[in-house]
Amino acid sequence: MRRRRWIAGLLAATALAAAGAGCGSDESSTSDGVTVVGGDVPDRHHPGAEVFLRSGCLACHRIGRSGNDGPGPRLTRVGARLDAAAIARVLVSPRPPMPSFQSLPRSERRALVEYLAARR
């Protein structure tokens, strides 16, 4: 059941990201419980924030009031817990159920790492 909820949340967040939710609106939510509050994704115009939103990270993670409470950890202050090298390692070789982002173009992965490392 938890995996089914995770997959539903991932699909919903991906659909929200594709529709541009969270990039200009104050708040959007889906029936699967994914909430995107536009003001909660600082530097939305930062290339790494755009990758974060487009990749569906909010399906499993939370930043401020946006996203879901799991199965992944909150990322509001991830940069205070992990340095950029550790974040990069997690993106390439994560623990299940998180997918690997190894196939992301290197420039996008670098922007994502920079964005997350700055979250202090």
PDB file of N, CA and C in Angstrom:
ATOM      1  N   MET A   1       0.820  -1.186   0.000  1.00  0.00           N
ATOM      2  CA  MET A   1       0.000   0.000   0.000  1.00  0.00           C
ATOM      3  C   MET A   1       0.867   1.253   0.000  1.00  0.00           C
ATOM      4  N   ARG A   2       1.939   1.263   0.779  1.00  0.00           N
ATOM      5  CA  ARG A   2       2.810   2.433   0.846  1.00  0.00           C
ATOM      6  C   ARG A   2       3.455   2.686  -0.512  1.00  0.00           C
ATOM      7  N   ARG A   3       3.867   1.609  -1.198  1.00  0.00           N
ATOM      8  CA  ARG A   3       4.482   1.758  -2.516  1.00  0.00           C
ATOM      9  C   ARG A   3       3.472   2.316  -3.521  1.00  0.00           C
ATOM     10  N   ARG A   4       2.222   1.861  -3.436  1.00  0.00           N
ATOM     11  CA  ARG A   4       1.179   2.352  -4.340  1.00  0.00           C
ATOM     12  C   ARG A   4       0.975   3.853  -4.124  1.00  0.00           C
ATOM     13  N   ARG A   5       0.953   4.290  -2.848  1.00  0.00           N
ATOM     14  CA  ARG A   5       0.798   5.718  -2.538  1.00  0.00           C
ATOM     15  C   ARG A   5       1.997   6.494  -3.069  1.00  0.00           C
ATOM     16  N   TRP A   6       3.191   5.932  -2.913  1.00  0.00           N
ATOM     17  CA  TRP A   6       4.408   6.587  -3.396  1.00  0.00           C
ATOM     18  C   TRP A   6       4.344   6.763  -4.905  1.00  0.00           C
ATOM     19  N   ILE A   7       3.942   5.731  -5.638  1.00  0.00           N
ATOM     20  CA  ILE A   7       3.854   5.802  -7.095  1.00  0.00           C
ATOM     21  C   ILE A   7       2.793   6.824  -7.501  1.00  0.00           C
ATOM     22  N   ALA A   8       1.645   6.814  -6.827  1.00  0.00           N
ATOM     23  CA  ALA A   8       0.593   7.781  -7.136  1.00  0.00           C
ATOM     24  C   ALA A   8       1.083   9.200  -6.890  1.00  0.00           C
ATOM     25  N   GLY A   9       1.800   9.412  -5.801  1.00  0.00           N
ATOM     26  CA  GLY A   9       2.347  10.736  -5.510  1.00  0.00           C
ATOM     27  C   GLY A   9       3.365  11.162  -6.534  1.00  0.00           C
ATOM     28  N   LEU A  10       4.216  10.235  -6.964  1.00  0.00           N
ATOM     29  CA  LEU A  10       5.227  10.533  -7.972  1.00  0.00           C
ATOM     30  C   LEU A  10       4.567  10.938  -9.285  1.00  0.00           C
ATOM     31  N   LEU A  11       3.552  10.189  -9.696  1.00  0.00           N
ATOM     32  CA  LEU A  11       2.837  10.519 -10.927  1.00  0.00           C
ATOM     33  C   LEU A  11       2.146  11.872 -10.819  1.00  0.00           C
ATOM     34  N   ALA A  12       1.556  12.147  -9.678  1.00  0.00           N
ATOM     35  CA  ALA A  12       0.866  13.424  -9.485  1.00  0.00           C
ATOM     36  C   ALA A  12       1.845  14.587  -9.504  1.00  0.00           C
ATOM     37  N   ALA A  13       2.983  14.437  -8.838  1.00  0.00           N
ATOM     38  CA  ALA A  13       3.972  15.520  -8.815  1.00  0.00           C
ATOM     39  C   ALA A  13       4.559  15.746 -10.194  1.00  0.00           C
ATOM     40  N   THR A  14       4.775  14.673 -10.941  1.00  0.00           N
ATOM     41  CA  THR A  14       5.290  14.798 -12.297  1.00  0.00           C
ATOM     42  C   THR A  14       4.278  15.537 -13.166  1.00  0.00           C
ATOM     43  N   ALA A  15       2.999  15.213 -13.002  1.00  0.00           N
ATOM     44  CA  ALA A  15       1.955  15.902 -13.762  1.00  0.00           C
ATOM     45  C   ALA A  15       1.899  17.379 -13.382  1.00  0.00           C
ATOM     46  N   LEU A  16       2.023  17.681 -12.078  1.00  0.00           N
ATOM     47  CA  LEU A  16       2.026  19.074 -11.639  1.00  0.00           C
ATOM     48  C   LEU A  16       3.205  19.832 -12.222  1.00  0.00           C
ATOM     49  N   ALA A  17       4.373  19.202 -12.187  1.00  0.00           N
ATOM     50  CA  ALA A  17       5.567  19.851 -12.718  1.00  0.00           C
ATOM     51  C   ALA A  17       5.425  20.101 -14.213  1.00  0.00           C
ATOM     52  N   ALA A  18       4.888  19.133 -14.933  1.00  0.00           N
ATOM     53  CA  ALA A  18       4.701  19.285 -16.377  1.00  0.00           C
ATOM     54  C   ALA A  18       3.713  20.394 -16.691  1.00  0.00           C
ATOM     55  N   ALA A  19       2.720  20.581 -15.817  1.00  0.00           N
ATOM     56  CA  ALA A  19       1.725  21.621 -16.022  1.00  0.00           C
ATOM     57  C   ALA A  19       2.217  22.980 -15.559  1.00  0.00           C
ATOM     58  N   GLY A  20       3.376  23.011 -14.903  1.00  0.00           N
ATOM     59  CA  GLY A  20       3.941  24.272 -14.438  1.00  0.00           C
ATOM     60  C   GLY A  20       3.450  24.692 -13.069  1.00  0.00           C
ATOM     61  N   ALA A  21       2.757  23.835 -12.357  1.00  0.00           N
ATOM     62  CA  ALA A  21       2.275  24.190 -11.028  1.00  0.00           C
ATOM     63  C   ALA A  21       3.455  24.431 -10.117  1.00  0.00           C
ATOM     64  N   GLY A  22       3.312  25.395  -9.244  1.00  0.00           N
ATOM     65  CA  GLY A  22       4.381  25.725  -8.308  1.00  0.00           C
ATOM     66  C   GLY A  22       5.358  26.719  -8.884  1.00  0.00           C
ATOM     67  N   CYS A  23       5.283  26.959 -10.180  1.00  0.00           N
ATOM     68  CA  CYS A  23       6.206  27.892 -10.791  1.00  0.00           C
ATOM     69  C   CYS A  23       5.626  29.290 -10.886  1.00  0.00           C
ATOM     70  N   GLY A  24       4.324  29.441 -10.688  1.00  0.00           N
ATOM     71  CA  GLY A  24       3.754  30.761 -10.766  1.00  0.00           C
ATOM     72  C   GLY A  24       2.548  30.914  -9.865  1.00  0.00           C
ATOM     73  N   SER A  25       1.929  29.842  -9.506  1.00  0.00           N
ATOM     74  CA  SER A  25       0.741  29.920  -8.668  1.00  0.00           C
ATOM     75  C   SER A  25       1.141  29.908  -7.206  1.00  0.00           C
ATOM     76  N   ASP A  26       0.218  30.360  -6.365  1.00  0.00           N
ATOM     77  CA  ASP A  26       0.503  30.353  -4.939  1.00  0.00           C
ATOM     78  C   ASP A  26       0.416  28.957  -4.354  1.00  0.00           C
ATOM     79  N   GLU A  27      -0.588  28.181  -4.773  1.00  0.00           N
ATOM     80  CA  GLU A  27      -0.729  26.838  -4.227  1.00  0.00           C
ATOM     81  C   GLU A  27      -1.537  25.975  -5.180  1.00  0.00           C
ATOM     82  N   SER A  28      -1.104  24.740  -5.341  1.00  0.00           N
ATOM     83  CA  SER A  28      -1.830  23.750  -6.111  1.00  0.00           C
ATOM     84  C   SER A  28      -1.776  22.455  -5.330  1.00  0.00           C
ATOM     85  N   SER A  29      -2.831  21.663  -5.433  1.00  0.00           N
ATOM     86  CA  SER A  29      -2.797  20.358  -4.784  1.00  0.00           C
ATOM     87  C   SER A  29      -3.561  19.357  -5.623  1.00  0.00           C
ATOM     88  N   THR A  30      -3.295  18.100  -5.361  1.00  0.00           N
ATOM     89  CA  THR A  30      -3.942  17.031  -6.093  1.00  0.00           C
ATOM     90  C   THR A  30      -4.679  16.149  -5.109  1.00  0.00           C
ATOM     91  N   SER A  31      -5.489  15.259  -5.633  1.00  0.00           N
ATOM     92  CA  SER A  31      -6.227  14.338  -4.772  1.00  0.00           C
ATOM     93  C   SER A  31      -5.294  13.353  -4.080  1.00  0.00           C
ATOM     94  N   ASP A  32      -4.068  13.216  -4.578  1.00  0.00           N
ATOM     95  CA  ASP A  32      -3.109  12.296  -3.971  1.00  0.00           C
ATOM     96  C   ASP A  32      -2.319  12.942  -2.841  1.00  0.00           C
ATOM     97  N   GLY A  33      -2.638  14.203  -2.519  1.00  0.00           N
ATOM     98  CA  GLY A  33      -2.016  14.843  -1.375  1.00  0.00           C
ATOM     99  C   GLY A  33      -0.745  15.611  -1.678  1.00  0.00           C
ATOM    100  N   VAL A  34      -0.357  15.751  -2.931  1.00  0.00           N
ATOM    101  CA  VAL A  34       0.829  16.531  -3.260  1.00  0.00           C
ATOM    102  C   VAL A  34       0.418  17.994  -3.282  1.00  0.00           C
ATOM    103  N   THR A  35       1.043  18.797  -2.446  1.00  0.00           N
ATOM    104  CA  THR A  35       0.749  20.220  -2.409  1.00  0.00           C
ATOM    105  C   THR A  35       1.995  20.982  -2.806  1.00  0.00           C
ATOM    106  N   VAL A  36       1.814  21.909  -3.729  1.00  0.00           N
ATOM    107  CA  VAL A  36       2.920  22.759  -4.149  1.00  0.00           C
ATOM    108  C   VAL A  36       2.531  24.179  -3.810  1.00  0.00           C
ATOM    109  N   VAL A  37       3.281  24.802  -2.916  1.00  0.00           N
ATOM    110  CA  VAL A  37       3.055  26.178  -2.533  1.00  0.00           C
ATOM    111  C   VAL A  37       4.155  26.988  -3.195  1.00  0.00           C
ATOM    112  N   GLY A  38       3.769  27.833  -4.158  1.00  0.00           N
ATOM    113  CA  GLY A  38       4.736  28.554  -4.973  1.00  0.00           C
ATOM    114  C   GLY A  38       5.809  29.275  -4.183  1.00  0.00           C
ATOM    115  N   GLY A  39       5.431  29.929  -3.070  1.00  0.00           N
ATOM    116  CA  GLY A  39       6.398  30.687  -2.298  1.00  0.00           C
ATOM    117  C   GLY A  39       7.350  29.820  -1.502  1.00  0.00           C
ATOM    118  N   ASP A  40       7.090  28.514  -1.413  1.00  0.00           N
ATOM    119  CA  ASP A  40       7.926  27.633  -0.605  1.00  0.00           C
ATOM    120  C   ASP A  40       9.104  27.046  -1.370  1.00  0.00           C
ATOM    121  N   VAL A  41       9.198  27.311  -2.634  1.00  0.00           N
ATOM    122  CA  VAL A  41      10.327  26.810  -3.404  1.00  0.00           C
ATOM    123  C   VAL A  41      11.185  28.029  -3.746  1.00  0.00           C
ATOM    124  N   PRO A  42      12.091  28.407  -2.819  1.00  0.00           N
ATOM    125  CA  PRO A  42      12.904  29.591  -3.026  1.00  0.00           C
ATOM    126  C   PRO A  42      13.698  29.513  -4.318  1.00  0.00           C
ATOM    127  N   ASP A  43      13.926  30.662  -4.906  1.00  0.00           N
ATOM    128  CA  ASP A  43      14.692  30.758  -6.152  1.00  0.00           C
ATOM    129  C   ASP A  43      14.104  29.860  -7.220  1.00  0.00           C
ATOM    130  N   ARG A  44      12.779  29.896  -7.374  1.00  0.00           N
ATOM    131  CA  ARG A  44      12.102  29.043  -8.351  1.00  0.00           C
ATOM    132  C   ARG A  44      12.699  29.183  -9.738  1.00  0.00           C
ATOM    133  N   HIS A  45      13.313  30.319 -10.005  1.00  0.00           N
ATOM    134  CA  HIS A  45      13.861  30.545 -11.330  1.00  0.00           C
ATOM    135  C   HIS A  45      15.308  30.084 -11.434  1.00  0.00           C
ATOM    136  N   HIS A  46      15.839  29.574 -10.331  1.00  0.00           N
ATOM    137  CA  HIS A  46      17.173  28.975 -10.327  1.00  0.00           C
ATOM    138  C   HIS A  46      17.085  27.701 -11.167  1.00  0.00           C
ATOM    139  N   PRO A  47      18.044  27.436 -12.030  1.00  0.00           N
ATOM    140  CA  PRO A  47      17.979  26.220 -12.855  1.00  0.00           C
ATOM    141  C   PRO A  47      17.818  24.940 -12.034  1.00  0.00           C
ATOM    142  N   GLY A  48      18.423  24.871 -10.860  1.00  0.00           N
ATOM    143  CA  GLY A  48      18.296  23.689 -10.016  1.00  0.00           C
ATOM    144  C   GLY A  48      16.900  23.524  -9.443  1.00  0.00           C
ATOM    145  N   ALA A  49      16.241  24.644  -9.126  1.00  0.00           N
ATOM    146  CA  ALA A  49      14.859  24.574  -8.636  1.00  0.00           C
ATOM    147  C   ALA A  49      13.943  24.093  -9.744  1.00  0.00           C
ATOM    148  N   GLU A  50      14.203  24.532 -10.953  1.00  0.00           N
ATOM    149  CA  GLU A  50      13.403  24.078 -12.091  1.00  0.00           C
ATOM    150  C   GLU A  50      13.572  22.570 -12.296  1.00  0.00           C
ATOM    151  N   VAL A  51      14.795  22.069 -12.176  1.00  0.00           N
ATOM    152  CA  VAL A  51      15.037  20.626 -12.299  1.00  0.00           C
ATOM    153  C   VAL A  51      14.326  19.895 -11.168  1.00  0.00           C
ATOM    154  N   PHE A  52      14.406  20.438  -9.955  1.00  0.00           N
ATOM    155  CA  PHE A  52      13.758  19.848  -8.783  1.00  0.00           C
ATOM    156  C   PHE A  52      12.258  19.703  -9.017  1.00  0.00           C
ATOM    157  N   LEU A  53      11.615  20.757  -9.474  1.00  0.00           N
ATOM    158  CA  LEU A  53      10.168  20.727  -9.715  1.00  0.00           C
ATOM    159  C   LEU A  53       9.811  19.796 -10.865  1.00  0.00           C
ATOM    160  N   ARG A  54      10.553  19.881 -11.941  1.00  0.00           N
ATOM    161  CA  ARG A  54      10.265  19.086 -13.146  1.00  0.00           C
ATOM    162  C   ARG A  54      10.483  17.592 -12.910  1.00  0.00           C
ATOM    163  N   SER A  55      11.394  17.240 -12.009  1.00  0.00           N
ATOM    164  CA  SER A  55      11.739  15.836 -11.772  1.00  0.00           C
ATOM    165  C   SER A  55      10.777  15.131 -10.826  1.00  0.00           C
ATOM    166  N   GLY A  56       9.838  15.843 -10.264  1.00  0.00           N
ATOM    167  CA  GLY A  56       8.852  15.211  -9.387  1.00  0.00           C
ATOM    168  C   GLY A  56       9.343  14.930  -7.983  1.00  0.00           C
ATOM    169  N   CYS A  57      10.363  15.649  -7.531  1.00  0.00           N
ATOM    170  CA  CYS A  57      10.928  15.401  -6.202  1.00  0.00           C
ATOM    171  C   CYS A  57       9.916  15.620  -5.083  1.00  0.00           C
ATOM    172  N   LEU A  58       8.945  16.521  -5.320  1.00  0.00           N
ATOM    173  CA  LEU A  58       7.961  16.813  -4.282  1.00  0.00           C
ATOM    174  C   LEU A  58       6.999  15.657  -4.033  1.00  0.00           C
ATOM    175  N   ALA A  59       7.028  14.639  -4.877  1.00  0.00           N
ATOM    176  CA  ALA A  59       6.172  13.475  -4.637  1.00  0.00           C
ATOM    177  C   ALA A  59       6.616  12.730  -3.387  1.00  0.00           C
ATOM    178  N   CYS A  60       7.903  12.786  -3.074  1.00  0.00           N
ATOM    179  CA  CYS A  60       8.453  12.025  -1.951  1.00  0.00           C
ATOM    180  C   CYS A  60       9.147  12.885  -0.912  1.00  0.00           C
ATOM    181  N   HIS A  61       9.392  14.136  -1.229  1.00  0.00           N
ATOM    182  CA  HIS A  61      10.126  15.033  -0.338  1.00  0.00           C
ATOM    183  C   HIS A  61       9.294  16.278  -0.075  1.00  0.00           C
ATOM    184  N   ARG A  62       9.700  17.005   0.942  1.00  0.00           N
ATOM    185  CA  ARG A  62       9.014  18.237   1.319  1.00  0.00           C
ATOM    186  C   ARG A  62      10.050  19.342   1.457  1.00  0.00           C
ATOM    187  N   ILE A  63       9.688  20.523   0.941  1.00  0.00           N
ATOM    188  CA  ILE A  63      10.462  21.747   1.171  1.00  0.00           C
ATOM    189  C   ILE A  63       9.468  22.744   1.744  1.00  0.00           C
ATOM    190  N   GLY A  64       9.699  23.173   2.979  1.00  0.00           N
ATOM    191  CA  GLY A  64       8.751  24.081   3.624  1.00  0.00           C
ATOM    192  C   GLY A  64       7.386  23.423   3.709  1.00  0.00           C
ATOM    193  N   ARG A  65       6.378  24.068   3.111  1.00  0.00           N
ATOM    194  CA  ARG A  65       5.023  23.517   3.126  1.00  0.00           C
ATOM    195  C   ARG A  65       4.694  22.774   1.842  1.00  0.00           C
ATOM    196  N   SER A  66       5.624  22.707   0.902  1.00  0.00           N
ATOM    197  CA  SER A  66       5.369  22.062  -0.391  1.00  0.00           C
ATOM    198  C   SER A  66       5.829  20.614  -0.388  1.00  0.00           C
ATOM    199  N   GLY A  67       5.064  19.750  -1.047  1.00  0.00           N
ATOM    200  CA  GLY A  67       5.452  18.362  -1.228  1.00  0.00           C
ATOM    201  C   GLY A  67       4.785  17.410  -0.262  1.00  0.00           C
ATOM    202  N   ASN A  68       5.363  16.226  -0.153  1.00  0.00           N
ATOM    203  CA  ASN A  68       4.836  15.149   0.690  1.00  0.00           C
ATOM    204  C   ASN A  68       5.804  14.825   1.817  1.00  0.00           C
ATOM    205  N   ASP A  69       5.266  14.243   2.867  1.00  0.00           N
ATOM    206  CA  ASP A  69       6.073  13.849   4.021  1.00  0.00           C
ATOM    207  C   ASP A  69       6.658  12.456   3.881  1.00  0.00           C
ATOM    208  N   GLY A  70       7.073  12.077   2.727  1.00  0.00           N
ATOM    209  CA  GLY A  70       7.721  10.783   2.596  1.00  0.00           C
ATOM    210  C   GLY A  70       7.342  10.089   1.322  1.00  0.00           C
ATOM    211  N   PRO A  71       8.047   9.049   1.036  1.00  0.00           N
ATOM    212  CA  PRO A  71       8.940   8.319   1.924  1.00  0.00           C
ATOM    213  C   PRO A  71      10.317   8.955   2.120  1.00  0.00           C
ATOM    214  N   GLY A  72      10.657   9.974   1.357  1.00  0.00           N
ATOM    215  CA  GLY A  72      11.964  10.613   1.492  1.00  0.00           C
ATOM    216  C   GLY A  72      11.977  11.656   2.598  1.00  0.00           C
ATOM    217  N   PRO A  73      13.173  12.076   3.027  1.00  0.00           N
ATOM    218  CA  PRO A  73      13.292  13.063   4.098  1.00  0.00           C
ATOM    219  C   PRO A  73      12.908  14.466   3.622  1.00  0.00           C
ATOM    220  N   ARG A  74      12.662  15.339   4.590  1.00  0.00           N
ATOM    221  CA  ARG A  74      12.430  16.757   4.287  1.00  0.00           C
ATOM    222  C   ARG A  74      13.729  17.345   3.745  1.00  0.00           C
ATOM    223  N   LEU A  75      13.587  18.216   2.763  1.00  0.00           N
ATOM    224  CA  LEU A  75      14.761  18.825   2.148  1.00  0.00           C
ATOM    225  C   LEU A  75      14.855  20.322   2.428  1.00  0.00           C
ATOM    226  N   THR A  76      14.052  20.817   3.357  1.00  0.00           N
ATOM    227  CA  THR A  76      14.033  22.244   3.657  1.00  0.00           C
ATOM    228  C   THR A  76      15.424  22.757   4.009  1.00  0.00           C
ATOM    229  N   ARG A  77      16.167  22.017   4.800  1.00  0.00           N
ATOM    230  CA  ARG A  77      17.516  22.444   5.215  1.00  0.00           C
ATOM    231  C   ARG A  77      18.556  21.364   4.906  1.00  0.00           C
ATOM    232  N   VAL A  78      18.395  20.688   3.775  1.00  0.00           N
ATOM    233  CA  VAL A  78      19.292  19.583   3.428  1.00  0.00           C
ATOM    234  C   VAL A  78      20.748  20.033   3.333  1.00  0.00           C
ATOM    235  N   GLY A  79      20.989  21.269   2.891  1.00  0.00           N
ATOM    236  CA  GLY A  79      22.355  21.775   2.771  1.00  0.00           C
ATOM    237  C   GLY A  79      23.060  21.931   4.099  1.00  0.00           C
ATOM    238  N   ALA A  80      22.304  22.020   5.187  1.00  0.00           N
ATOM    239  CA  ALA A  80      22.894  22.093   6.523  1.00  0.00           C
ATOM    240  C   ALA A  80      23.295  20.706   7.020  1.00  0.00           C
ATOM    241  N   ARG A  81      22.679  19.660   6.446  1.00  0.00           N
ATOM    242  CA  ARG A  81      22.971  18.287   6.859  1.00  0.00           C
ATOM    243  C   ARG A  81      24.009  17.607   5.982  1.00  0.00           C
ATOM    244  N   LEU A  82      23.966  17.918   4.674  1.00  0.00           N
ATOM    245  CA  LEU A  82      24.854  17.265   3.704  1.00  0.00           C
ATOM    246  C   LEU A  82      25.587  18.300   2.867  1.00  0.00           C
ATOM    247  N   ASP A  83      26.855  18.037   2.570  1.00  0.00           N
ATOM    248  CA  ASP A  83      27.565  18.941   1.663  1.00  0.00           C
ATOM    249  C   ASP A  83      27.234  18.572   0.212  1.00  0.00           C
ATOM    250  N   ALA A  84      27.699  19.378  -0.717  1.00  0.00           N
ATOM    251  CA  ALA A  84      27.369  19.181  -2.135  1.00  0.00           C
ATOM    252  C   ALA A  84      27.821  17.810  -2.641  1.00  0.00           C
ATOM    253  N   ALA A  85      28.985  17.339  -2.213  1.00  0.00           N
ATOM    254  CA  ALA A  85      29.483  16.036  -2.672  1.00  0.00           C
ATOM    255  C   ALA A  85      28.564  14.903  -2.208  1.00  0.00           C
ATOM    256  N   ALA A  86      28.090  14.984  -0.966  1.00  0.00           N
ATOM    257  CA  ALA A  86      27.187  13.945  -0.443  1.00  0.00           C
ATOM    258  C   ALA A  86      25.845  13.981  -1.176  1.00  0.00           C
ATOM    259  N   ILE A  87      25.348  15.162  -1.458  1.00  0.00           N
ATOM    260  CA  ILE A  87      24.090  15.287  -2.198  1.00  0.00           C
ATOM    261  C   ILE A  87      24.250  14.685  -3.590  1.00  0.00           C
ATOM    262  N   ALA A  88      25.367  14.964  -4.240  1.00  0.00           N
ATOM    263  CA  ALA A  88      25.623  14.414  -5.576  1.00  0.00           C
ATOM    264  C   ALA A  88      25.663  12.892  -5.538  1.00  0.00           C
ATOM    265  N   ARG A  89      26.296  12.335  -4.499  1.00  0.00           N
ATOM    266  CA  ARG A  89      26.352  10.868  -4.373  1.00  0.00           C
ATOM    267  C   ARG A  89      24.961  10.275  -4.202  1.00  0.00           C
ATOM    268  N   VAL A  90      24.131  10.910  -3.392  1.00  0.00           N
ATOM    269  CA  VAL A  90      22.776  10.401  -3.165  1.00  0.00           C
ATOM    270  C   VAL A  90      21.965  10.445  -4.457  1.00  0.00           C
ATOM    271  N   LEU A  91      22.135  11.482  -5.256  1.00  0.00           N
ATOM    272  CA  LEU A  91      21.384  11.590  -6.506  1.00  0.00           C
ATOM    273  C   LEU A  91      21.767  10.498  -7.500  1.00  0.00           C
ATOM    274  N   VAL A  92      23.010  10.070  -7.483  1.00  0.00           N
ATOM    275  CA  VAL A  92      23.487   9.051  -8.420  1.00  0.00           C
ATOM    276  C   VAL A  92      23.274   7.642  -7.875  1.00  0.00           C
ATOM    277  N   SER A  93      23.502   7.450  -6.587  1.00  0.00           N
ATOM    278  CA  SER A  93      23.377   6.115  -5.967  1.00  0.00           C
ATOM    279  C   SER A  93      22.479   6.180  -4.735  1.00  0.00           C
ATOM    280  N   PRO A  94      21.181   6.412  -4.929  1.00  0.00           N
ATOM    281  CA  PRO A  94      20.277   6.551  -3.780  1.00  0.00           C
ATOM    282  C   PRO A  94      19.858   5.205  -3.202  1.00  0.00           C
ATOM    283  N   ARG A  95      19.282   5.275  -2.010  1.00  0.00           N
ATOM    284  CA  ARG A  95      18.658   4.092  -1.415  1.00  0.00           C
ATOM    285  C   ARG A  95      17.220   4.001  -1.938  1.00  0.00           C
ATOM    286  N   PRO A  96      16.743   2.781  -2.221  1.00  0.00           N
ATOM    287  CA  PRO A  96      15.355   2.618  -2.658  1.00  0.00           C
ATOM    288  C   PRO A  96      14.404   3.169  -1.603  1.00  0.00           C
ATOM    289  N   PRO A  97      13.283   3.697  -2.003  1.00  0.00           N
ATOM    290  CA  PRO A  97      12.683   3.691  -3.328  1.00  0.00           C
ATOM    291  C   PRO A  97      13.059   4.882  -4.199  1.00  0.00           C
ATOM    292  N   MET A  98      14.012   5.715  -3.774  1.00  0.00           N
ATOM    293  CA  MET A  98      14.379   6.880  -4.583  1.00  0.00           C
ATOM    294  C   MET A  98      15.038   6.430  -5.883  1.00  0.00           C
ATOM    295  N   PRO A  99      14.612   7.021  -7.002  1.00  0.00           N
ATOM    296  CA  PRO A  99      15.246   6.672  -8.277  1.00  0.00           C
ATOM    297  C   PRO A  99      16.595   7.361  -8.417  1.00  0.00           C
ATOM    298  N   SER A 100      17.454   6.820  -9.246  1.00  0.00           N
ATOM    299  CA  SER A 100      18.748   7.433  -9.534  1.00  0.00           C
ATOM    300  C   SER A 100      18.557   8.560 -10.552  1.00  0.00           C
ATOM    301  N   PHE A 101      19.311   9.613 -10.375  1.00  0.00           N
ATOM    302  CA  PHE A 101      19.286  10.728 -11.318  1.00  0.00           C
ATOM    303  C   PHE A 101      20.569  10.759 -12.144  1.00  0.00           C
ATOM    304  N   GLN A 102      21.209   9.611 -12.255  1.00  0.00           N
ATOM    305  CA  GLN A 102      22.446   9.500 -13.019  1.00  0.00           C
ATOM    306  C   GLN A 102      22.224   9.859 -14.487  1.00  0.00           C
ATOM    307  N   SER A 103      21.029   9.596 -15.003  1.00  0.00           N
ATOM    308  CA  SER A 103      20.773   9.860 -16.416  1.00  0.00           C
ATOM    309  C   SER A 103      20.444  11.327 -16.701  1.00  0.00           C
ATOM    310  N   LEU A 104      20.297  12.136 -15.657  1.00  0.00           N
ATOM    311  CA  LEU A 104      20.094  13.574 -15.887  1.00  0.00           C
ATOM    312  C   LEU A 104      21.342  14.133 -16.567  1.00  0.00           C
ATOM    313  N   PRO A 105      21.167  15.058 -17.488  1.00  0.00           N
ATOM    314  CA  PRO A 105      22.357  15.707 -18.057  1.00  0.00           C
ATOM    315  C   PRO A 105      23.217  16.290 -16.928  1.00  0.00           C
ATOM    316  N   ARG A 106      24.504  16.212 -17.090  1.00  0.00           N
ATOM    317  CA  ARG A 106      25.440  16.636 -16.042  1.00  0.00           C
ATOM    318  C   ARG A 106      25.187  18.072 -15.576  1.00  0.00           C
ATOM    319  N   SER A 107      24.872  18.969 -16.514  1.00  0.00           N
ATOM    320  CA  SER A 107      24.632  20.366 -16.138  1.00  0.00           C
ATOM    321  C   SER A 107      23.387  20.498 -15.266  1.00  0.00           C
ATOM    322  N   GLU A 108      22.347  19.713 -15.561  1.00  0.00           N
ATOM    323  CA  GLU A 108      21.130  19.749 -14.747  1.00  0.00           C
ATOM    324  C   GLU A 108      21.370  19.141 -13.371  1.00  0.00           C
ATOM    325  N   ARG A 109      22.122  18.050 -13.340  1.00  0.00           N
ATOM    326  CA  ARG A 109      22.428  17.421 -12.046  1.00  0.00           C
ATOM    327  C   ARG A 109      23.271  18.372 -11.197  1.00  0.00           C
ATOM    328  N   ARG A 110      24.219  19.054 -11.812  1.00  0.00           N
ATOM    329  CA  ARG A 110      25.059  20.019 -11.094  1.00  0.00           C
ATOM    330  C   ARG A 110      24.199  21.158 -10.544  1.00  0.00           C
ATOM    331  N   ALA A 111      23.245  21.656 -11.351  1.00  0.00           N
ATOM    332  CA  ALA A 111      22.351  22.732 -10.903  1.00  0.00           C
ATOM    333  C   ALA A 111      21.478  22.261  -9.744  1.00  0.00           C
ATOM    334  N   LEU A 112      21.010  21.017  -9.805  1.00  0.00           N
ATOM    335  CA  LEU A 112      20.188  20.456  -8.736  1.00  0.00           C
ATOM    336  C   LEU A 112      20.993  20.335  -7.442  1.00  0.00           C
ATOM    337  N   VAL A 113      22.215  19.861  -7.549  1.00  0.00           N
ATOM    338  CA  VAL A 113      23.090  19.745  -6.369  1.00  0.00           C
ATOM    339  C   VAL A 113      23.338  21.124  -5.773  1.00  0.00           C
ATOM    340  N   GLU A 114      23.629  22.098  -6.612  1.00  0.00           N
ATOM    341  CA  GLU A 114      23.880  23.464  -6.145  1.00  0.00           C
ATOM    342  C   GLU A 114      22.654  24.022  -5.414  1.00  0.00           C
ATOM    343  N   TYR A 115      21.486  23.804  -5.995  1.00  0.00           N
ATOM    344  CA  TYR A 115      20.249  24.286  -5.386  1.00  0.00           C
ATOM    345  C   TYR A 115      20.006  23.630  -4.021  1.00  0.00           C
ATOM    346  N   LEU A 116      20.153  22.308  -3.947  1.00  0.00           N
ATOM    347  CA  LEU A 116      19.906  21.611  -2.687  1.00  0.00           C
ATOM    348  C   LEU A 116      20.968  21.943  -1.637  1.00  0.00           C
ATOM    349  N   ALA A 117      22.218  22.074  -2.036  1.00  0.00           N
ATOM    350  CA  ALA A 117      23.292  22.389  -1.088  1.00  0.00           C
ATOM    351  C   ALA A 117      23.112  23.784  -0.487  1.00  0.00           C
ATOM    352  N   ALA A 118      22.454  24.669  -1.207  1.00  0.00           N
ATOM    353  CA  ALA A 118      22.214  26.026  -0.711  1.00  0.00           C
ATOM    354  C   ALA A 118      21.046  26.097   0.253  1.00  0.00           C
ATOM    355  N   ARG A 119      20.290  25.019   0.399  1.00  0.00           N
ATOM    356  CA  ARG A 119      19.133  24.979   1.299  1.00  0.00           C
ATOM    357  C   ARG A 119      19.636  24.784   2.726  1.00  0.00           C
ATOM    358  N   ARG A 120      19.873  25.864   3.426  1.00  0.00           N
ATOM    359  CA  ARG A 120      20.423  25.810   4.785  1.00  0.00           C
ATOM    360  C   ARG A 120      19.446  26.306   5.782  1.00  0.00           C
TER     361      ARG A 120
END
